[in-house]
C-alpha cells in the first residue's frame, strides 16, 4: 500500500547494518520468536542454501526449480550460458533431507529435554567441508554432459565469471546474438 518511492527511501534506514531484506526479515522473525515464546521450548534451525536431497527420498530429489535448482536445470537445458559468480566463494549448500532431519532431531531434543534457553542450530557445510562455486559449476556441467536432460535446448556450456564485462560478453554472444539470428 506504500508508494514505491517511499519504500525505496525507508528501506536503507530499516535495514541498517543488514545486507538485504531477506536477512533482515529472518532476523526480525527470530527476534519476535525470542520475545514472544513465553514458556514454550523453542529451537531455531538456520539452514544455508537448501538444495537437492542427499539420500531421501532418493539422491538428487527436488520438488521445485527455485533457487540454485532452477539455475542448474537452466544450465543443464542449455538455456543459461553465463553466470556472474565468484568461483572462489563457498557454495554453502545443504541437502534438503539433511535440513529436514536436523529439524526433526531438534524438535525431538527440544520436546524431550526442555532446554531453558532458546536453541539455535546453524545447518551449514561451508565451515567444515567447503565447496566452491567454481567446483560446483564444473560438477554441474560434467553431470549434464554425461547425463543430458530431456528436451535440452542446446548442449550445456555455462561460463562462470566474477567479471561484469566478461559476463556481458557471454550474454551477448550466447544469448542475444542467437536470439537475433
N, C-alpha and C. Protein backbone atom coordinates (compact mmCIF):
# COMPACT_ATOMS: atom_id res chain seq x y z
N UNK A 1 0.81 -1.20 0.00
CA UNK A 1 0.00 0.00 0.00
C UNK A 1 0.85 1.26 0.00
N UNK A 2 2.16 1.12 0.22
CA UNK A 2 3.05 2.28 0.17
C UNK A 2 3.47 2.57 -1.26
N UNK A 3 3.68 3.82 -1.53
CA UNK A 3 4.22 4.23 -2.82
C UNK A 3 5.64 3.69 -2.96
N UNK A 4 6.01 3.26 -4.17
CA UNK A 4 7.34 2.66 -4.41
C UNK A 4 8.48 3.58 -4.00
N UNK A 5 8.34 4.89 -4.23
CA UNK A 5 9.41 5.84 -3.86
C UNK A 5 9.58 5.89 -2.35
N UNK A 6 8.50 5.77 -1.59
CA UNK A 6 8.61 5.76 -0.12
C UNK A 6 9.33 4.49 0.34
N UNK A 7 8.99 3.37 -0.28
CA UNK A 7 9.65 2.11 0.06
C UNK A 7 11.15 2.21 -0.19
N UNK A 8 11.52 2.78 -1.33
CA UNK A 8 12.95 2.93 -1.65
C UNK A 8 13.64 3.87 -0.67
N UNK A 9 12.93 4.87 -0.18
CA UNK A 9 13.52 5.81 0.79
C UNK A 9 13.71 5.19 2.16
N UNK A 10 12.73 4.40 2.63
CA UNK A 10 12.82 3.89 4.00
C UNK A 10 13.59 2.57 4.13
N UNK A 11 13.71 1.81 3.03
CA UNK A 11 14.37 0.51 3.12
C UNK A 11 15.79 0.60 3.67
N UNK A 12 16.66 1.49 3.17
CA UNK A 12 18.02 1.54 3.73
C UNK A 12 18.01 1.89 5.23
N UNK A 13 17.09 2.71 5.65
CA UNK A 13 17.01 3.07 7.08
C UNK A 13 16.58 1.87 7.92
N UNK A 14 15.64 1.10 7.40
CA UNK A 14 15.18 -0.09 8.12
C UNK A 14 16.27 -1.16 8.18
N UNK A 15 16.97 -1.35 7.08
CA UNK A 15 17.99 -2.40 7.02
C UNK A 15 19.16 -2.14 7.95
N UNK A 16 19.55 -0.88 8.09
CA UNK A 16 20.70 -0.58 8.93
C UNK A 16 21.93 -1.34 8.47
N UNK A 17 22.46 -2.21 9.32
CA UNK A 17 23.66 -3.00 9.00
C UNK A 17 23.36 -4.27 8.21
N UNK A 18 22.08 -4.63 8.06
CA UNK A 18 21.74 -5.86 7.35
C UNK A 18 21.97 -5.66 5.86
N UNK A 19 22.51 -6.70 5.16
CA UNK A 19 22.85 -6.54 3.74
C UNK A 19 21.65 -6.50 2.80
N UNK A 20 20.52 -7.10 3.21
CA UNK A 20 19.35 -7.16 2.32
C UNK A 20 18.10 -7.46 3.13
N UNK A 21 16.95 -7.34 2.48
CA UNK A 21 15.68 -7.55 3.18
C UNK A 21 15.50 -9.00 3.60
N UNK A 22 16.10 -9.93 2.88
CA UNK A 22 15.99 -11.35 3.22
C UNK A 22 16.58 -11.61 4.60
N UNK A 23 17.84 -11.21 4.81
CA UNK A 23 18.48 -11.45 6.11
C UNK A 23 17.84 -10.62 7.21
N UNK A 24 17.39 -9.43 6.86
CA UNK A 24 16.74 -8.55 7.83
C UNK A 24 15.44 -9.16 8.35
N UNK A 25 14.60 -9.65 7.46
CA UNK A 25 13.33 -10.22 7.89
C UNK A 25 13.52 -11.53 8.65
N UNK A 26 14.56 -12.31 8.30
CA UNK A 26 14.86 -13.51 9.08
C UNK A 26 15.26 -13.13 10.50
N UNK A 27 16.09 -12.09 10.63
CA UNK A 27 16.50 -11.63 11.96
C UNK A 27 15.29 -11.10 12.75
N UNK A 28 14.41 -10.37 12.09
CA UNK A 28 13.19 -9.88 12.75
C UNK A 28 12.34 -11.04 13.26
N UNK A 29 12.21 -12.07 12.45
CA UNK A 29 11.42 -13.24 12.85
C UNK A 29 12.02 -13.92 14.07
N UNK A 30 13.33 -14.09 14.08
CA UNK A 30 13.98 -14.71 15.23
C UNK A 30 13.83 -13.85 16.48
N UNK A 31 13.94 -12.56 16.32
CA UNK A 31 13.77 -11.65 17.46
C UNK A 31 12.34 -11.76 18.01
N UNK A 32 11.36 -11.78 17.13
CA UNK A 32 9.96 -11.90 17.55
C UNK A 32 9.73 -13.21 18.29
N UNK A 33 10.29 -14.30 17.78
CA UNK A 33 10.16 -15.60 18.45
C UNK A 33 10.77 -15.55 19.84
N UNK A 34 11.95 -14.96 19.97
CA UNK A 34 12.58 -14.85 21.29
C UNK A 34 11.74 -14.03 22.26
N UNK A 35 11.14 -12.96 21.77
CA UNK A 35 10.35 -12.08 22.62
C UNK A 35 9.01 -12.70 23.02
N UNK A 36 8.40 -13.48 22.15
CA UNK A 36 7.04 -13.96 22.35
C UNK A 36 6.93 -15.43 22.74
N UNK A 37 8.06 -16.13 22.92
CA UNK A 37 8.00 -17.57 23.15
C UNK A 37 7.40 -17.95 24.49
N UNK A 38 7.42 -17.03 25.45
CA UNK A 38 6.86 -17.33 26.76
C UNK A 38 7.50 -18.55 27.37
N UNK A 39 6.68 -19.52 27.79
CA UNK A 39 7.19 -20.75 28.41
C UNK A 39 7.40 -21.88 27.41
N UNK A 40 7.22 -21.59 26.14
CA UNK A 40 7.41 -22.62 25.12
C UNK A 40 8.89 -22.93 24.95
N UNK A 41 9.19 -24.20 24.73
CA UNK A 41 10.55 -24.59 24.39
C UNK A 41 10.70 -24.49 22.89
N UNK A 42 11.62 -23.67 22.45
CA UNK A 42 11.76 -23.34 21.04
C UNK A 42 13.18 -23.65 20.56
N UNK A 43 13.27 -24.10 19.31
CA UNK A 43 14.56 -24.25 18.63
C UNK A 43 14.44 -23.57 17.27
N UNK A 44 15.49 -22.94 16.85
CA UNK A 44 15.53 -22.28 15.53
C UNK A 44 16.56 -23.02 14.68
N UNK A 45 16.16 -23.35 13.46
CA UNK A 45 17.06 -24.00 12.50
C UNK A 45 17.41 -22.97 11.44
N UNK A 46 18.70 -22.79 11.19
CA UNK A 46 19.17 -21.85 10.17
C UNK A 46 19.91 -22.60 9.08
N UNK A 47 19.22 -23.11 8.09
CA UNK A 47 19.93 -23.78 7.00
C UNK A 47 20.56 -22.76 6.05
N UNK A 48 21.67 -23.13 5.46
CA UNK A 48 22.24 -22.28 4.41
C UNK A 48 21.40 -22.49 3.15
N UNK A 49 21.97 -22.46 1.99
CA UNK A 49 21.20 -22.65 0.75
C UNK A 49 20.74 -24.11 0.68
N UNK A 50 19.44 -24.31 0.62
CA UNK A 50 18.90 -25.67 0.59
C UNK A 50 18.84 -26.15 -0.85
N UNK A 51 19.44 -27.32 -1.08
CA UNK A 51 19.49 -27.88 -2.43
C UNK A 51 18.85 -29.25 -2.49
N UNK A 52 19.13 -29.96 -3.56
CA UNK A 52 18.57 -31.28 -3.80
C UNK A 52 18.98 -32.26 -2.69
N UNK A 53 18.22 -33.34 -2.58
CA UNK A 53 18.44 -34.30 -1.49
C UNK A 53 19.74 -35.07 -1.66
N UNK A 54 20.23 -35.55 -0.53
CA UNK A 54 21.43 -36.38 -0.49
C UNK A 54 21.02 -37.85 -0.61
N UNK A 55 20.06 -38.28 0.23
CA UNK A 55 19.62 -39.67 0.23
C UNK A 55 18.11 -39.84 0.11
N UNK A 56 17.35 -39.01 0.82
CA UNK A 56 15.92 -39.23 0.98
C UNK A 56 15.10 -38.18 0.24
N UNK A 57 14.08 -38.50 -0.49
CA UNK A 57 13.60 -39.86 -0.75
C UNK A 57 14.50 -40.62 -1.73
N UNK A 58 15.30 -39.91 -2.54
CA UNK A 58 16.34 -40.54 -3.35
C UNK A 58 17.34 -39.43 -3.71
N UNK A 59 18.60 -39.79 -4.02
CA UNK A 59 19.61 -38.77 -4.32
C UNK A 59 19.19 -37.86 -5.47
N UNK A 60 19.32 -36.56 -5.25
CA UNK A 60 19.03 -35.58 -6.29
C UNK A 60 17.59 -35.12 -6.34
N UNK A 61 16.74 -35.62 -5.45
CA UNK A 61 15.32 -35.26 -5.47
C UNK A 61 15.11 -33.77 -5.18
N UNK A 62 14.25 -33.14 -5.97
CA UNK A 62 13.78 -31.78 -5.72
C UNK A 62 12.30 -31.74 -6.05
N UNK A 63 11.58 -30.79 -5.47
CA UNK A 63 10.16 -30.68 -5.80
C UNK A 63 9.82 -29.35 -6.44
N UNK A 64 10.87 -28.57 -6.77
CA UNK A 64 10.63 -27.28 -7.43
C UNK A 64 11.92 -26.85 -8.12
N UNK A 65 11.83 -25.77 -8.85
CA UNK A 65 13.00 -25.24 -9.55
C UNK A 65 13.39 -23.87 -8.99
N UNK A 66 13.17 -23.67 -7.71
CA UNK A 66 13.54 -22.41 -7.06
C UNK A 66 15.04 -22.40 -6.75
N UNK A 67 15.57 -21.20 -6.60
CA UNK A 67 16.96 -21.04 -6.17
C UNK A 67 17.95 -21.71 -7.10
N UNK A 68 18.93 -22.36 -6.49
CA UNK A 68 20.01 -22.96 -7.27
C UNK A 68 19.53 -24.10 -8.16
N UNK A 69 18.49 -24.81 -7.73
CA UNK A 69 17.97 -25.92 -8.56
C UNK A 69 17.53 -25.41 -9.92
N UNK A 70 16.84 -24.28 -9.94
CA UNK A 70 16.40 -23.70 -11.21
C UNK A 70 17.56 -23.26 -12.08
N UNK A 71 18.58 -22.70 -11.45
CA UNK A 71 19.77 -22.27 -12.19
C UNK A 71 20.47 -23.49 -12.80
N UNK A 72 20.60 -24.55 -12.00
CA UNK A 72 21.27 -25.76 -12.50
C UNK A 72 20.49 -26.38 -13.65
N UNK A 73 19.17 -26.44 -13.55
CA UNK A 73 18.35 -27.02 -14.61
C UNK A 73 18.44 -26.16 -15.88
N UNK A 74 18.39 -24.84 -15.72
CA UNK A 74 18.52 -23.94 -16.88
C UNK A 74 19.87 -24.14 -17.56
N UNK A 75 20.92 -24.33 -16.76
CA UNK A 75 22.25 -24.60 -17.34
C UNK A 75 22.25 -25.96 -18.03
N UNK A 76 21.65 -26.96 -17.41
CA UNK A 76 21.61 -28.31 -17.98
C UNK A 76 20.79 -28.39 -19.26
N UNK A 77 19.80 -27.54 -19.40
CA UNK A 77 18.98 -27.50 -20.63
C UNK A 77 19.66 -26.69 -21.73
N UNK A 78 20.79 -26.02 -21.39
CA UNK A 78 21.50 -25.22 -22.37
C UNK A 78 20.92 -23.83 -22.54
N UNK A 79 19.99 -23.45 -21.67
CA UNK A 79 19.36 -22.13 -21.76
C UNK A 79 20.25 -21.06 -21.12
N UNK A 80 20.76 -21.36 -19.95
CA UNK A 80 21.63 -20.42 -19.23
C UNK A 80 23.07 -20.65 -19.66
N UNK A 81 23.69 -19.63 -20.23
CA UNK A 81 25.03 -19.78 -20.77
C UNK A 81 26.09 -18.98 -20.01
N UNK A 82 25.67 -18.02 -19.21
CA UNK A 82 26.63 -17.21 -18.47
C UNK A 82 26.08 -16.88 -17.09
N UNK A 83 26.91 -17.05 -16.09
CA UNK A 83 26.53 -16.77 -14.71
C UNK A 83 27.60 -15.89 -14.09
N UNK A 84 27.18 -14.82 -13.44
CA UNK A 84 28.14 -13.99 -12.73
C UNK A 84 28.23 -14.51 -11.31
N UNK A 85 29.40 -14.99 -10.94
CA UNK A 85 29.61 -15.59 -9.63
C UNK A 85 31.10 -15.56 -9.31
N UNK A 86 31.40 -15.55 -8.02
CA UNK A 86 32.79 -15.64 -7.58
C UNK A 86 33.14 -17.12 -7.47
N UNK A 87 33.95 -17.61 -8.37
CA UNK A 87 34.32 -19.03 -8.39
C UNK A 87 35.01 -19.48 -7.11
N UNK A 88 35.62 -18.54 -6.38
CA UNK A 88 36.36 -18.88 -5.16
C UNK A 88 35.51 -18.74 -3.90
N UNK A 89 34.25 -18.32 -4.04
CA UNK A 89 33.37 -18.20 -2.87
C UNK A 89 32.79 -19.57 -2.53
N UNK A 90 32.53 -19.77 -1.24
CA UNK A 90 31.98 -21.04 -0.79
C UNK A 90 30.51 -21.15 -1.20
N UNK A 91 30.18 -22.26 -1.84
CA UNK A 91 28.80 -22.56 -2.21
C UNK A 91 28.21 -23.36 -1.06
N UNK A 92 27.76 -22.66 -0.05
CA UNK A 92 27.32 -23.32 1.18
C UNK A 92 25.91 -23.87 1.02
N UNK A 93 25.84 -25.01 0.33
CA UNK A 93 24.54 -25.65 0.08
C UNK A 93 24.40 -26.84 1.02
N UNK A 94 23.16 -27.04 1.46
CA UNK A 94 22.87 -28.17 2.35
C UNK A 94 21.75 -28.98 1.70
N UNK A 95 21.89 -30.29 1.62
CA UNK A 95 20.81 -31.10 1.04
C UNK A 95 19.52 -30.97 1.86
N UNK A 96 18.39 -30.96 1.18
CA UNK A 96 17.10 -30.76 1.83
C UNK A 96 16.85 -31.83 2.89
N UNK A 97 17.24 -33.08 2.64
CA UNK A 97 16.99 -34.13 3.63
C UNK A 97 17.82 -33.94 4.89
N UNK A 98 19.00 -33.34 4.77
CA UNK A 98 19.81 -33.05 5.95
C UNK A 98 19.13 -31.96 6.79
N UNK A 99 18.64 -30.91 6.11
CA UNK A 99 17.95 -29.84 6.84
C UNK A 99 16.68 -30.36 7.52
N UNK A 100 15.93 -31.21 6.85
CA UNK A 100 14.71 -31.77 7.43
C UNK A 100 15.04 -32.69 8.61
N UNK A 101 16.06 -33.53 8.45
CA UNK A 101 16.45 -34.44 9.54
C UNK A 101 16.91 -33.65 10.76
N UNK A 102 17.64 -32.55 10.55
CA UNK A 102 18.05 -31.71 11.69
C UNK A 102 16.82 -31.10 12.36
N UNK A 103 15.86 -30.66 11.57
CA UNK A 103 14.64 -30.08 12.12
C UNK A 103 13.90 -31.11 12.99
N UNK A 104 13.79 -32.34 12.51
CA UNK A 104 13.14 -33.39 13.29
C UNK A 104 13.92 -33.70 14.56
N UNK A 105 15.24 -33.80 14.46
CA UNK A 105 16.07 -34.10 15.63
C UNK A 105 16.01 -32.96 16.65
N UNK A 106 16.06 -31.72 16.17
CA UNK A 106 15.99 -30.57 17.08
C UNK A 106 14.63 -30.50 17.76
N UNK A 107 13.57 -30.80 17.02
CA UNK A 107 12.23 -30.83 17.61
C UNK A 107 12.12 -31.88 18.69
N UNK A 108 12.65 -33.08 18.41
CA UNK A 108 12.63 -34.16 19.40
C UNK A 108 13.42 -33.75 20.64
N UNK A 109 14.65 -33.26 20.43
CA UNK A 109 15.50 -32.90 21.56
C UNK A 109 14.84 -31.81 22.42
N UNK A 110 14.27 -30.81 21.76
CA UNK A 110 13.64 -29.71 22.47
C UNK A 110 12.42 -30.19 23.26
N UNK A 111 11.65 -31.10 22.68
CA UNK A 111 10.46 -31.61 23.36
C UNK A 111 10.82 -32.51 24.54
N UNK A 112 11.85 -33.32 24.39
CA UNK A 112 12.22 -34.28 25.43
C UNK A 112 13.02 -33.62 26.55
N UNK A 113 13.99 -32.78 26.21
CA UNK A 113 14.90 -32.21 27.21
C UNK A 113 14.46 -30.86 27.75
N UNK A 114 13.55 -30.22 27.09
CA UNK A 114 13.00 -28.92 27.52
C UNK A 114 14.09 -27.94 27.99
N UNK A 115 15.00 -27.58 27.09
CA UNK A 115 16.08 -26.66 27.49
C UNK A 115 15.51 -25.29 27.90
N UNK A 116 16.15 -24.67 28.86
CA UNK A 116 15.70 -23.36 29.36
C UNK A 116 15.94 -22.26 28.33
N UNK A 117 17.05 -22.36 27.61
CA UNK A 117 17.41 -21.34 26.63
C UNK A 117 16.93 -21.74 25.23
N UNK A 118 16.70 -20.75 24.41
CA UNK A 118 16.35 -20.96 23.01
C UNK A 118 17.57 -21.57 22.30
N UNK A 119 17.36 -22.68 21.62
CA UNK A 119 18.45 -23.32 20.90
C UNK A 119 18.44 -22.88 19.44
N UNK A 120 19.63 -22.58 18.91
CA UNK A 120 19.78 -22.17 17.53
C UNK A 120 20.77 -23.12 16.86
N UNK A 121 20.33 -23.73 15.76
CA UNK A 121 21.17 -24.67 15.01
C UNK A 121 21.48 -24.08 13.64
N UNK A 122 22.76 -23.90 13.34
CA UNK A 122 23.19 -23.47 12.02
C UNK A 122 23.47 -24.72 11.19
N UNK A 123 22.67 -24.94 10.19
CA UNK A 123 22.76 -26.13 9.35
C UNK A 123 23.52 -25.76 8.08
N UNK A 124 24.83 -25.88 8.13
CA UNK A 124 25.69 -25.47 7.02
C UNK A 124 26.79 -26.50 6.81
N UNK A 125 27.50 -26.37 5.70
CA UNK A 125 28.63 -27.25 5.43
C UNK A 125 29.92 -26.49 5.19
N UNK A 126 29.82 -25.21 4.84
CA UNK A 126 30.97 -24.44 4.39
C UNK A 126 32.13 -24.36 5.36
N UNK A 127 31.87 -24.36 6.66
CA UNK A 127 32.96 -24.26 7.63
C UNK A 127 33.73 -25.55 7.79
N UNK A 128 33.06 -26.69 7.58
CA UNK A 128 33.69 -28.00 7.77
C UNK A 128 34.16 -28.60 6.46
N UNK A 129 33.34 -28.48 5.44
CA UNK A 129 33.61 -29.11 4.15
C UNK A 129 33.32 -28.11 3.03
N UNK A 130 34.16 -27.10 2.88
CA UNK A 130 33.86 -26.06 1.89
C UNK A 130 33.89 -26.59 0.46
N UNK A 131 32.92 -26.13 -0.29
CA UNK A 131 32.78 -26.48 -1.71
C UNK A 131 32.58 -25.15 -2.42
N UNK A 132 33.33 -24.89 -3.46
CA UNK A 132 33.35 -23.56 -4.07
C UNK A 132 32.49 -23.52 -5.32
N UNK A 133 31.99 -22.31 -5.64
CA UNK A 133 31.11 -22.15 -6.79
C UNK A 133 31.77 -22.62 -8.08
N UNK A 134 33.08 -22.38 -8.23
CA UNK A 134 33.79 -22.85 -9.42
C UNK A 134 33.72 -24.36 -9.54
N UNK A 135 33.94 -25.06 -8.42
CA UNK A 135 33.83 -26.52 -8.40
C UNK A 135 32.41 -26.95 -8.72
N UNK A 136 31.44 -26.26 -8.12
CA UNK A 136 30.03 -26.58 -8.34
C UNK A 136 29.71 -26.49 -9.83
N UNK A 137 30.16 -25.42 -10.46
CA UNK A 137 29.91 -25.24 -11.89
C UNK A 137 30.48 -26.38 -12.72
N UNK A 138 31.70 -26.80 -12.37
CA UNK A 138 32.32 -27.90 -13.11
C UNK A 138 31.54 -29.21 -12.93
N UNK A 139 31.12 -29.50 -11.70
CA UNK A 139 30.35 -30.72 -11.44
C UNK A 139 29.01 -30.69 -12.15
N UNK A 140 28.34 -29.55 -12.10
CA UNK A 140 27.03 -29.44 -12.76
C UNK A 140 27.17 -29.67 -14.26
N UNK A 141 28.14 -29.02 -14.89
CA UNK A 141 28.32 -29.16 -16.33
C UNK A 141 28.71 -30.58 -16.71
N UNK A 142 29.64 -31.18 -15.96
CA UNK A 142 30.07 -32.54 -16.31
C UNK A 142 28.92 -33.54 -16.10
N UNK A 143 28.10 -33.32 -15.09
CA UNK A 143 26.96 -34.21 -14.84
C UNK A 143 25.96 -34.15 -15.99
N UNK A 144 25.64 -32.93 -16.43
CA UNK A 144 24.65 -32.80 -17.51
C UNK A 144 25.22 -33.22 -18.86
N UNK A 145 26.52 -33.16 -19.04
CA UNK A 145 27.11 -33.65 -20.29
C UNK A 145 27.09 -35.18 -20.32
N UNK A 146 27.31 -35.81 -19.15
CA UNK A 146 27.25 -37.28 -19.07
C UNK A 146 25.82 -37.78 -19.09
N UNK A 147 24.91 -37.02 -18.47
CA UNK A 147 23.51 -37.41 -18.35
C UNK A 147 22.63 -36.28 -18.85
N UNK A 148 22.51 -36.12 -20.17
CA UNK A 148 21.75 -34.98 -20.70
C UNK A 148 20.28 -35.01 -20.28
N UNK A 149 19.74 -33.83 -20.09
CA UNK A 149 18.33 -33.70 -19.76
C UNK A 149 17.49 -33.87 -21.03
N UNK A 150 16.28 -34.35 -20.86
CA UNK A 150 15.38 -34.49 -21.99
C UNK A 150 14.99 -33.12 -22.50
N UNK A 151 14.81 -33.03 -23.80
CA UNK A 151 14.36 -31.80 -24.46
C UNK A 151 15.26 -30.60 -24.15
N UNK A 152 16.57 -30.85 -24.12
CA UNK A 152 17.51 -29.75 -23.90
C UNK A 152 17.48 -28.81 -25.11
N UNK A 153 17.61 -27.53 -24.85
CA UNK A 153 17.61 -26.52 -25.89
C UNK A 153 18.88 -26.60 -26.72
N UNK A 154 20.00 -26.78 -26.04
CA UNK A 154 21.30 -26.99 -26.68
C UNK A 154 22.25 -27.61 -25.68
N UNK A 155 23.43 -27.98 -26.11
CA UNK A 155 24.41 -28.63 -25.25
C UNK A 155 24.76 -27.71 -24.08
N UNK A 156 24.76 -28.23 -22.85
CA UNK A 156 25.12 -27.40 -21.70
C UNK A 156 26.55 -26.88 -21.81
N UNK A 157 26.72 -25.60 -21.59
CA UNK A 157 28.04 -24.98 -21.60
C UNK A 157 27.93 -23.60 -20.96
N UNK A 158 27.98 -23.57 -19.65
CA UNK A 158 27.80 -22.32 -18.91
C UNK A 158 29.16 -21.78 -18.48
N UNK A 159 29.35 -20.49 -18.69
CA UNK A 159 30.57 -19.80 -18.28
C UNK A 159 30.30 -19.08 -16.97
N UNK A 160 31.14 -19.32 -15.97
CA UNK A 160 31.02 -18.62 -14.70
C UNK A 160 32.16 -17.63 -14.58
N UNK A 161 31.82 -16.39 -14.26
CA UNK A 161 32.83 -15.36 -14.12
C UNK A 161 32.40 -14.35 -13.06
N UNK A 162 33.37 -13.72 -12.44
CA UNK A 162 33.05 -12.66 -11.48
C UNK A 162 33.15 -11.29 -12.14
N UNK A 163 33.51 -11.27 -13.42
CA UNK A 163 33.66 -10.02 -14.16
C UNK A 163 32.35 -9.62 -14.85
N UNK A 164 31.89 -8.44 -14.55
CA UNK A 164 30.67 -7.93 -15.18
C UNK A 164 30.84 -7.86 -16.70
N UNK A 165 32.00 -7.37 -17.16
CA UNK A 165 32.23 -7.21 -18.60
C UNK A 165 32.28 -8.56 -19.32
N UNK A 166 32.97 -9.52 -18.74
CA UNK A 166 33.04 -10.85 -19.36
C UNK A 166 31.65 -11.49 -19.38
N UNK A 167 30.90 -11.31 -18.30
CA UNK A 167 29.53 -11.83 -18.26
C UNK A 167 28.68 -11.19 -19.36
N UNK A 168 28.81 -9.88 -19.56
CA UNK A 168 28.05 -9.21 -20.61
C UNK A 168 28.46 -9.71 -21.99
N UNK A 169 29.75 -9.99 -22.17
CA UNK A 169 30.22 -10.55 -23.44
C UNK A 169 29.53 -11.88 -23.72
N UNK A 170 29.54 -12.79 -22.72
CA UNK A 170 28.95 -14.11 -22.92
C UNK A 170 27.43 -14.02 -23.10
N UNK A 171 26.79 -13.09 -22.44
CA UNK A 171 25.35 -12.90 -22.64
C UNK A 171 25.09 -12.46 -24.08
N UNK A 172 25.92 -11.54 -24.58
CA UNK A 172 25.75 -11.06 -25.95
C UNK A 172 25.99 -12.19 -26.95
N UNK A 173 27.08 -12.93 -26.77
CA UNK A 173 27.46 -13.99 -27.72
C UNK A 173 26.55 -15.20 -27.61
N UNK A 174 26.18 -15.58 -26.39
CA UNK A 174 25.46 -16.84 -26.19
C UNK A 174 23.95 -16.70 -26.06
N UNK A 175 23.47 -15.48 -25.76
CA UNK A 175 22.03 -15.29 -25.58
C UNK A 175 21.44 -14.37 -26.64
N UNK A 176 21.97 -13.15 -26.70
CA UNK A 176 21.36 -12.13 -27.55
C UNK A 176 21.60 -12.39 -29.04
N UNK A 177 22.84 -12.68 -29.43
CA UNK A 177 23.13 -12.92 -30.86
C UNK A 177 22.33 -14.10 -31.41
N UNK A 178 22.30 -15.25 -30.72
CA UNK A 178 21.48 -16.35 -31.24
C UNK A 178 19.98 -15.99 -31.31
N UNK A 179 19.51 -15.22 -30.35
CA UNK A 179 18.09 -14.82 -30.36
C UNK A 179 17.79 -13.94 -31.56
N UNK A 180 18.72 -13.03 -31.92
CA UNK A 180 18.52 -12.15 -33.06
C UNK A 180 18.57 -12.97 -34.35
N UNK A 181 19.54 -13.90 -34.43
CA UNK A 181 19.66 -14.74 -35.64
C UNK A 181 18.45 -15.62 -35.81
